[in-house]
Amino acid sequence: MKGASQNPTERGLALYRSMARIRAFEDAAEEASKGGVSAFGAALSQDVMVRGPLHLSTGQEAVPAGVCANLFRTDMITSTHRGHGHTLAKGASMEKMMCELFGRATGFNGGKGGSMHIADFSVGMLGANGVVAAGIPIAVGAAHAVRIRSGKEIVACFFGDGAINRGPFLEGLNWAAIHKLPLLFVCEDNRWSATTATSAMTAGPGALARAQSVGVDGLAVDGNDVFAVDAAAGSLLATIRAGGGPKFLHAVTYRFKGHVSVDPATYRDGQEVARALENDPMPFAEAKIGAIEAKRIRDEAHAEVKRVVEVATAAPWPKSDSAYTDIQDTGAGRWLA
């Protein structure tokens, strides 16, 4: 996250460190989730630490790293079902997130929320969300609250390319534009909407054009170039902080893994995936900061992830009497002991 002024080398190292931590976390989480029952019907081993599939952001690290490098701790974000990278880049605890994935009591939600319900208000992370586009109205509401109380915070709203075909996209951008809210919309365009190519289901010239049609201007950027994302996000956020109203960042990237961690993604063309892997954002950034520094940072990230996996493995399970806490009471008292 944004802090004291940095020279280009220091900032480049910080950006790469954020990406390396995300990549190392996702790799470990993927390995830990190889079990349970596949969303596509395959029966797998039960000898795993994470029950159920995860939505991984492997290959998309440059977007959260580049955007969140320009946010203050007091700024806020909303995320998606693919939110581990956003959470880490905003400064939330890697240990608590791994514990949550492992279903342990020391996780963000006491082990009961899992991957798609992680939130940490202490760093402005308002929550991942299992419903496509549902983070948009939450972000708009948070930004409107900032406007009402004359606050200085900014809200960054991450969503995927599939979200632009849902109602909350138009509603949210329209409301933000009308009220000139301090909000950065970030379309993390990985070109796949679950198991369907977005190009086959999205008409017109794309996300940025749709935003501009309701008066929300912005920039398109190579989402695999963390330095380009950093520069574009920095420019847009500076305009927002100066009272320029909502802006839009369209970052085109690629999802290296399947829709979920146990999805082999055989619906994708192998040559397409091979081309995408050649444009991996990690080696691109490594070439900019140098191989020696890159290796040092990767080693540090792997050591950190190894430690948090050990902590999560040893962490306590939720107590059985917590099963009926954190549950909405309908008024009939049926959830009360």
Protein backbone atom coordinates (compact mmCIF):
# COMPACT_ATOMS: atom_id res chain seq x y z
CA MET A 1 0.00 0.00 0.00
CA LYS A 2 1.00 3.61 -0.41
CA GLY A 3 3.42 5.01 2.12
CA ALA A 4 6.44 7.27 2.17
CA SER A 5 7.92 8.41 -1.12
CA GLN A 6 10.02 5.77 -2.85
CA ASN A 7 12.59 5.92 -5.59
CA PRO A 8 11.79 3.87 -8.71
CA THR A 9 13.90 0.92 -7.60
CA GLU A 10 12.27 0.71 -4.18
CA ARG A 11 8.81 0.99 -5.70
CA GLY A 12 9.59 -1.67 -8.27
CA LEU A 13 10.76 -4.02 -5.52
CA ALA A 14 7.61 -3.29 -3.50
CA LEU A 15 5.39 -4.02 -6.49
CA TYR A 16 7.19 -7.27 -7.20
CA ARG A 17 7.06 -8.28 -3.54
CA SER A 18 3.28 -7.85 -3.55
CA MET A 19 3.00 -10.02 -6.66
CA ALA A 20 5.36 -12.69 -5.30
CA ARG A 21 3.38 -12.99 -2.08
CA ILE A 22 0.15 -13.41 -4.03
CA ARG A 23 1.62 -16.03 -6.38
CA ALA A 24 3.18 -18.00 -3.51
CA PHE A 25 -0.08 -17.91 -1.54
CA GLU A 26 -2.18 -19.05 -4.49
CA ASP A 27 0.20 -21.90 -5.30
CA ALA A 28 0.08 -23.15 -1.70
CA ALA A 29 -3.69 -22.75 -1.47
CA GLU A 30 -4.14 -24.65 -4.73
CA GLU A 31 -2.04 -27.53 -3.47
CA ALA A 32 -3.96 -27.61 -0.20
CA SER A 33 -7.30 -27.73 -2.01
CA LYS A 34 -6.64 -30.71 -4.26
CA GLY A 35 -9.34 -32.86 -2.79
CA GLY A 36 -13.01 -32.97 -1.92
CA VAL A 37 -15.48 -33.15 -4.79
CA SER A 38 -14.78 -31.26 -7.99
CA ALA A 39 -17.35 -28.75 -9.14
CA PHE A 40 -17.30 -30.75 -12.37
CA GLY A 41 -18.22 -34.03 -10.72
CA ALA A 42 -14.85 -35.72 -10.22
CA ALA A 43 -14.33 -37.53 -6.95
CA LEU A 44 -10.96 -36.63 -5.46
CA SER A 45 -8.87 -37.48 -2.40
CA GLN A 46 -10.20 -36.37 0.97
CA ASP A 47 -6.71 -36.03 2.45
CA VAL A 48 -6.59 -32.25 2.07
CA MET A 49 -6.49 -29.15 4.26
CA VAL A 50 -8.89 -26.98 2.25
CA ARG A 51 -12.33 -28.45 1.69
CA GLY A 52 -13.92 -27.47 -1.59
CA PRO A 53 -12.56 -25.64 -4.62
CA LEU A 54 -10.94 -22.20 -4.57
CA HIS A 55 -11.11 -19.41 -7.12
CA LEU A 56 -7.44 -18.65 -7.77
CA SER A 57 -6.02 -15.42 -9.20
CA THR A 58 -2.79 -16.97 -10.49
CA GLY A 59 -1.58 -14.89 -13.44
CA GLN A 60 -3.51 -11.79 -12.42
CA GLU A 61 -1.12 -10.57 -9.70
CA ALA A 62 -0.14 -7.33 -11.43
CA VAL A 63 -3.62 -5.83 -11.15
CA PRO A 64 -4.11 -5.87 -7.35
CA ALA A 65 -0.42 -5.11 -6.77
CA GLY A 66 -0.41 -2.11 -9.11
CA VAL A 67 -3.72 -0.67 -7.92
CA CYS A 68 -3.27 -1.16 -4.18
CA ALA A 69 0.23 0.36 -4.28
CA ASN A 70 -1.60 3.66 -4.77
CA LEU A 71 -4.09 3.23 -1.92
CA PHE A 72 -3.75 4.35 1.67
CA ARG A 73 -4.64 2.04 4.54
CA THR A 74 -7.76 4.12 5.17
CA ASP A 75 -8.93 3.69 1.58
CA MET A 76 -11.32 0.82 0.93
CA ILE A 77 -11.73 -1.96 -1.61
CA THR A 78 -14.40 -4.44 -2.55
CA SER A 79 -13.42 -7.73 -4.10
CA THR A 80 -14.78 -10.74 -5.95
CA HIS A 81 -14.96 -14.52 -5.55
CA ARG A 82 -11.34 -14.44 -6.83
CA GLY A 83 -10.15 -12.18 -4.04
CA HIS A 84 -7.02 -13.56 -2.37
CA GLY A 85 -4.76 -11.23 -4.35
CA HIS A 86 -6.80 -8.13 -3.56
CA THR A 87 -6.83 -9.03 0.12
CA LEU A 88 -3.06 -9.46 0.34
CA ALA A 89 -2.27 -6.39 -1.75
CA LYS A 90 -4.45 -4.24 0.52
CA GLY A 91 -2.41 -5.33 3.53
CA ALA A 92 -4.56 -7.97 5.19
CA SER A 93 -2.96 -10.81 7.15
CA MET A 94 -1.78 -13.74 5.04
CA GLU A 95 -1.82 -15.94 8.13
CA LYS A 96 -5.45 -15.18 8.97
CA MET A 97 -6.49 -15.76 5.37
CA MET A 98 -4.77 -19.15 5.22
CA CYS A 99 -6.38 -20.10 8.53
CA GLU A 100 -9.76 -19.14 7.07
CA LEU A 101 -9.18 -21.34 4.03
CA PHE A 102 -8.21 -24.19 6.36
CA GLY A 103 -11.47 -23.70 8.29
CA ARG A 104 -9.72 -22.76 11.52
CA ALA A 105 -11.04 -20.63 14.36
CA THR A 106 -8.24 -18.09 13.93
CA GLY A 107 -9.29 -17.19 10.39
CA PHE A 108 -10.94 -13.92 9.41
CA ASN A 109 -14.41 -15.42 9.81
CA GLY A 110 -13.60 -17.93 12.49
CA GLY A 111 -13.16 -20.62 9.85
CA LYS A 112 -16.80 -20.46 8.84
CA GLY A 113 -16.69 -18.14 5.86
CA GLY A 114 -14.03 -19.61 3.65
CA SER A 115 -12.37 -18.12 0.60
CA MET A 116 -15.30 -16.15 -0.83
CA HIS A 117 -16.24 -14.33 2.37
CA ILE A 118 -12.95 -12.88 3.56
CA ALA A 119 -13.02 -9.32 4.85
CA ASP A 120 -10.74 -7.17 6.99
CA PHE A 121 -12.17 -3.76 7.80
CA SER A 122 -8.97 -2.81 9.67
CA VAL A 123 -7.21 -2.39 6.32
CA GLY A 124 -10.27 -1.26 4.37
CA MET A 125 -10.96 -4.63 2.76
CA LEU A 126 -14.78 -4.64 2.76
CA GLY A 127 -15.12 -8.19 1.57
CA ALA A 128 -14.85 -10.81 -1.12
CA ASN A 129 -18.15 -11.75 -2.71
CA GLY A 130 -19.45 -14.96 -4.21
CA VAL A 131 -22.02 -13.16 -6.38
CA VAL A 132 -20.74 -11.73 -9.66
CA ALA A 133 -20.99 -7.91 -9.69
CA ALA A 134 -22.32 -7.78 -6.12
CA GLY A 135 -19.27 -5.87 -4.92
CA ILE A 136 -20.16 -2.93 -7.17
CA PRO A 137 -23.20 -1.62 -5.22
CA ILE A 138 -21.31 -2.21 -1.96
CA ALA A 139 -18.44 -0.07 -3.23
CA VAL A 140 -20.83 2.60 -4.46
CA GLY A 141 -22.56 2.64 -1.06
CA ALA A 142 -19.24 2.96 0.74
CA ALA A 143 -18.14 5.79 -1.56
CA HIS A 144 -21.47 7.55 -1.07
CA ALA A 145 -21.00 7.32 2.69
CA VAL A 146 -17.58 8.95 2.28
CA ARG A 147 -19.19 11.75 0.28
CA ILE A 148 -21.96 12.31 2.85
CA ARG A 149 -19.52 12.70 5.75
CA SER A 150 -17.03 14.72 3.68
CA GLY A 151 -14.36 12.06 4.08
CA LYS A 152 -11.08 11.82 2.20
CA GLU A 153 -11.07 8.07 1.54
CA ILE A 154 -11.32 6.48 -1.88
CA VAL A 155 -12.98 3.16 -2.70
CA ALA A 156 -11.50 0.82 -5.32
CA CYS A 157 -13.96 -1.72 -6.67
CA PHE A 158 -12.50 -4.85 -8.28
CA PHE A 159 -14.69 -6.96 -10.56
CA GLY A 160 -14.26 -9.28 -13.51
CA ASP A 161 -15.18 -8.88 -17.15
CA GLY A 162 -18.24 -11.07 -16.67
CA ALA A 163 -19.66 -8.48 -14.27
CA ILE A 164 -20.15 -5.88 -16.99
CA ASN A 165 -23.08 -7.89 -18.33
CA ARG A 166 -24.97 -7.73 -15.06
CA GLY A 167 -27.38 -5.07 -13.83
CA PRO A 168 -25.33 -3.79 -10.87
CA PHE A 169 -22.62 -2.64 -13.31
CA LEU A 170 -24.81 -0.06 -15.04
CA GLU A 171 -26.65 0.87 -11.87
CA GLY A 172 -23.45 1.31 -9.90
CA LEU A 173 -21.58 3.35 -12.49
CA ASN A 174 -24.61 5.53 -13.15
CA TRP A 175 -25.06 6.32 -9.44
CA ALA A 176 -21.34 7.01 -8.99
CA ALA A 177 -21.30 9.35 -11.98
CA ILE A 178 -24.44 11.24 -10.95
CA HIS A 179 -23.06 11.88 -7.44
CA LYS A 180 -19.38 12.23 -8.47
CA LEU A 181 -18.30 9.65 -5.94
CA PRO A 182 -14.64 9.02 -4.96
CA LEU A 183 -14.53 5.62 -6.59
CA LEU A 184 -12.15 3.74 -8.88
CA PHE A 185 -13.82 0.93 -10.83
CA VAL A 186 -11.26 -1.75 -11.72
CA CYS A 187 -12.29 -4.28 -14.36
CA GLU A 188 -9.90 -7.20 -13.94
CA ASP A 189 -10.47 -8.62 -17.39
CA ASN A 190 -9.12 -12.19 -17.50
CA ARG A 191 -11.12 -12.88 -20.67
CA TRP A 192 -13.09 -15.80 -19.22
CA SER A 193 -16.48 -15.71 -17.51
CA ALA A 194 -16.36 -18.96 -15.55
CA THR A 195 -16.16 -21.53 -18.39
CA THR A 196 -17.23 -19.28 -21.28
CA ALA A 197 -15.02 -16.93 -23.26
CA THR A 198 -16.16 -13.39 -22.53
CA SER A 199 -15.80 -12.45 -26.19
CA ALA A 200 -18.65 -14.84 -27.00
CA MET A 201 -21.09 -13.17 -24.62
CA THR A 202 -20.22 -9.48 -24.50
CA ALA A 203 -21.38 -7.18 -27.29
CA GLY A 204 -19.84 -3.89 -28.27
CA PRO A 205 -16.32 -2.48 -27.83
CA GLY A 206 -15.95 -3.58 -24.21
CA ALA A 207 -15.79 -2.52 -20.59
CA LEU A 208 -14.23 0.94 -20.87
CA ALA A 209 -16.61 1.99 -23.64
CA ARG A 210 -19.57 1.00 -21.49
CA ALA A 211 -18.20 3.03 -18.58
CA GLN A 212 -17.63 6.05 -20.80
CA SER A 213 -21.20 5.81 -22.11
CA VAL A 214 -22.46 6.83 -18.66
CA GLY A 215 -19.82 9.47 -18.12
CA VAL A 216 -17.18 7.48 -16.24
CA ASP A 217 -13.92 8.01 -18.10
CA GLY A 218 -10.79 5.99 -17.58
CA LEU A 219 -7.85 4.11 -19.03
CA ALA A 220 -7.16 0.73 -20.60
CA VAL A 221 -3.92 -0.95 -19.57
CA ASP A 222 -1.94 -4.15 -19.99
CA GLY A 223 -2.95 -5.93 -16.80
CA ASN A 224 0.16 -8.12 -16.92
CA ASP A 225 2.50 -5.13 -16.67
CA VAL A 226 2.54 -4.14 -13.01
CA PHE A 227 4.41 -0.92 -13.76
CA ALA A 228 1.81 0.14 -16.31
CA VAL A 229 -1.01 -0.73 -13.89
CA ASP A 230 0.74 1.24 -11.14
CA ALA A 231 1.11 4.30 -13.38
CA ALA A 232 -2.45 4.16 -14.72
CA ALA A 233 -4.01 3.59 -11.30
CA GLY A 234 -1.87 6.35 -9.81
CA SER A 235 -3.01 8.82 -12.44
CA LEU A 236 -6.69 7.96 -12.08
CA LEU A 237 -6.60 7.97 -8.29
CA ALA A 238 -4.89 11.36 -8.24
CA THR A 239 -7.75 12.75 -10.31
CA ILE A 240 -10.31 11.17 -7.99
CA ARG A 241 -8.58 12.55 -4.88
CA ALA A 242 -8.69 15.99 -6.48
CA GLY A 243 -12.48 15.76 -6.72
CA GLY A 244 -12.70 14.51 -10.28
CA GLY A 245 -15.39 11.94 -9.57
CA PRO A 246 -15.35 8.22 -10.41
CA LYS A 247 -12.87 6.75 -12.89
CA PHE A 248 -12.50 3.39 -14.62
CA LEU A 249 -9.46 1.16 -15.12
CA HIS A 250 -9.75 -1.65 -17.66
CA ALA A 251 -6.85 -4.04 -17.00
CA VAL A 252 -6.60 -6.93 -19.48
CA THR A 253 -4.89 -9.98 -17.98
CA TYR A 254 -5.37 -13.76 -18.08
CA ARG A 255 -6.46 -16.45 -15.64
CA PHE A 256 -3.79 -19.16 -15.77
CA LYS A 257 -5.86 -21.71 -13.84
CA GLY A 258 -9.34 -23.06 -14.34
CA HIS A 259 -12.41 -21.36 -12.96
CA VAL A 260 -11.76 -23.15 -9.66
CA SER A 261 -8.73 -24.98 -8.29
CA VAL A 262 -10.02 -28.43 -9.27
CA ASP A 263 -11.10 -27.37 -12.77
CA PRO A 264 -8.71 -28.68 -15.49
CA ALA A 265 -10.11 -26.04 -17.88
CA THR A 266 -10.20 -28.39 -20.86
CA TYR A 267 -12.71 -26.03 -22.50
CA ARG A 268 -9.82 -23.65 -23.27
CA ASP A 269 -7.61 -23.91 -26.32
CA GLY A 270 -4.14 -25.12 -25.39
CA GLN A 271 -2.41 -22.67 -27.72
CA GLU A 272 -4.27 -19.78 -26.15
CA VAL A 273 -3.10 -20.83 -22.68
CA ALA A 274 0.46 -21.32 -23.94
CA ARG A 275 0.51 -17.79 -25.36
CA ALA A 276 -0.84 -16.42 -22.10
CA LEU A 277 1.84 -18.21 -20.09
CA GLU A 278 4.48 -16.55 -22.24
CA ASN A 279 3.10 -13.24 -20.98
CA ASP A 280 3.35 -14.18 -17.29
CA PRO A 281 3.46 -10.94 -15.26
CA MET A 282 6.09 -12.33 -12.88
CA PRO A 283 9.00 -12.80 -15.33
CA PHE A 284 8.09 -9.49 -16.96
CA ALA A 285 8.55 -7.69 -13.65
CA GLU A 286 11.64 -9.73 -12.81
CA ALA A 287 13.34 -8.44 -15.94
CA LYS A 288 12.81 -4.91 -14.67
CA ILE A 289 14.10 -5.35 -11.12
CA GLY A 290 16.88 -7.88 -11.75
CA ALA A 291 17.19 -11.63 -11.26
CA ILE A 292 19.06 -11.47 -7.94
CA GLU A 293 16.53 -9.24 -6.21
CA ALA A 294 13.65 -11.17 -7.73
CA LYS A 295 14.96 -14.48 -6.38
CA ARG A 296 15.49 -12.99 -2.93
CA ILE A 297 11.93 -11.68 -2.84
CA ARG A 298 10.49 -14.97 -4.12
CA ASP A 299 12.43 -16.91 -1.49
CA GLU A 300 11.09 -14.59 1.22
CA ALA A 301 7.54 -15.06 -0.06
CA HIS A 302 7.87 -18.84 -0.14
CA ALA A 303 9.26 -18.86 3.40
CA GLU A 304 6.36 -16.70 4.59
CA VAL A 305 3.80 -18.96 2.95
CA LYS A 306 5.44 -22.07 4.37
CA ARG A 307 5.20 -20.55 7.84
CA VAL A 308 1.53 -19.59 7.50
CA VAL A 309 0.64 -23.06 6.19
CA GLU A 310 2.31 -24.55 9.28
CA VAL A 311 0.42 -22.12 11.51
CA ALA A 312 -2.89 -22.86 9.80
CA THR A 313 -2.32 -26.60 10.02
CA ALA A 314 -1.76 -26.35 13.77
CA ALA A 315 -4.50 -23.79 14.43
CA PRO A 316 -7.60 -24.86 16.41
CA TRP A 317 -10.88 -25.82 14.81
CA PRO A 318 -13.96 -23.74 15.68
CA LYS A 319 -15.72 -24.96 18.81
CA SER A 320 -18.96 -26.78 18.23
CA ASP A 321 -20.92 -24.23 20.28
CA SER A 322 -19.96 -21.54 17.73
CA ALA A 323 -22.04 -23.22 15.02
CA TYR A 324 -25.06 -21.03 15.73
CA THR A 325 -23.21 -17.74 16.14
CA ASP A 326 -22.85 -15.23 13.30
CA ILE A 327 -26.21 -16.37 11.93
CA GLN A 328 -29.04 -14.03 11.07
CA ASP A 329 -32.02 -14.32 13.41
CA THR A 330 -35.26 -14.25 11.45
CA GLY A 331 -37.11 -13.01 14.51
CA ALA A 332 -38.62 -16.33 15.47
CA GLY A 333 -35.67 -17.21 17.67
CA ARG A 334 -35.08 -20.47 15.87
CA TRP A 335 -31.31 -19.98 15.87
CA LEU A 336 -31.09 -19.24 19.57
CA ALA A 337 -29.92 -21.99 21.94
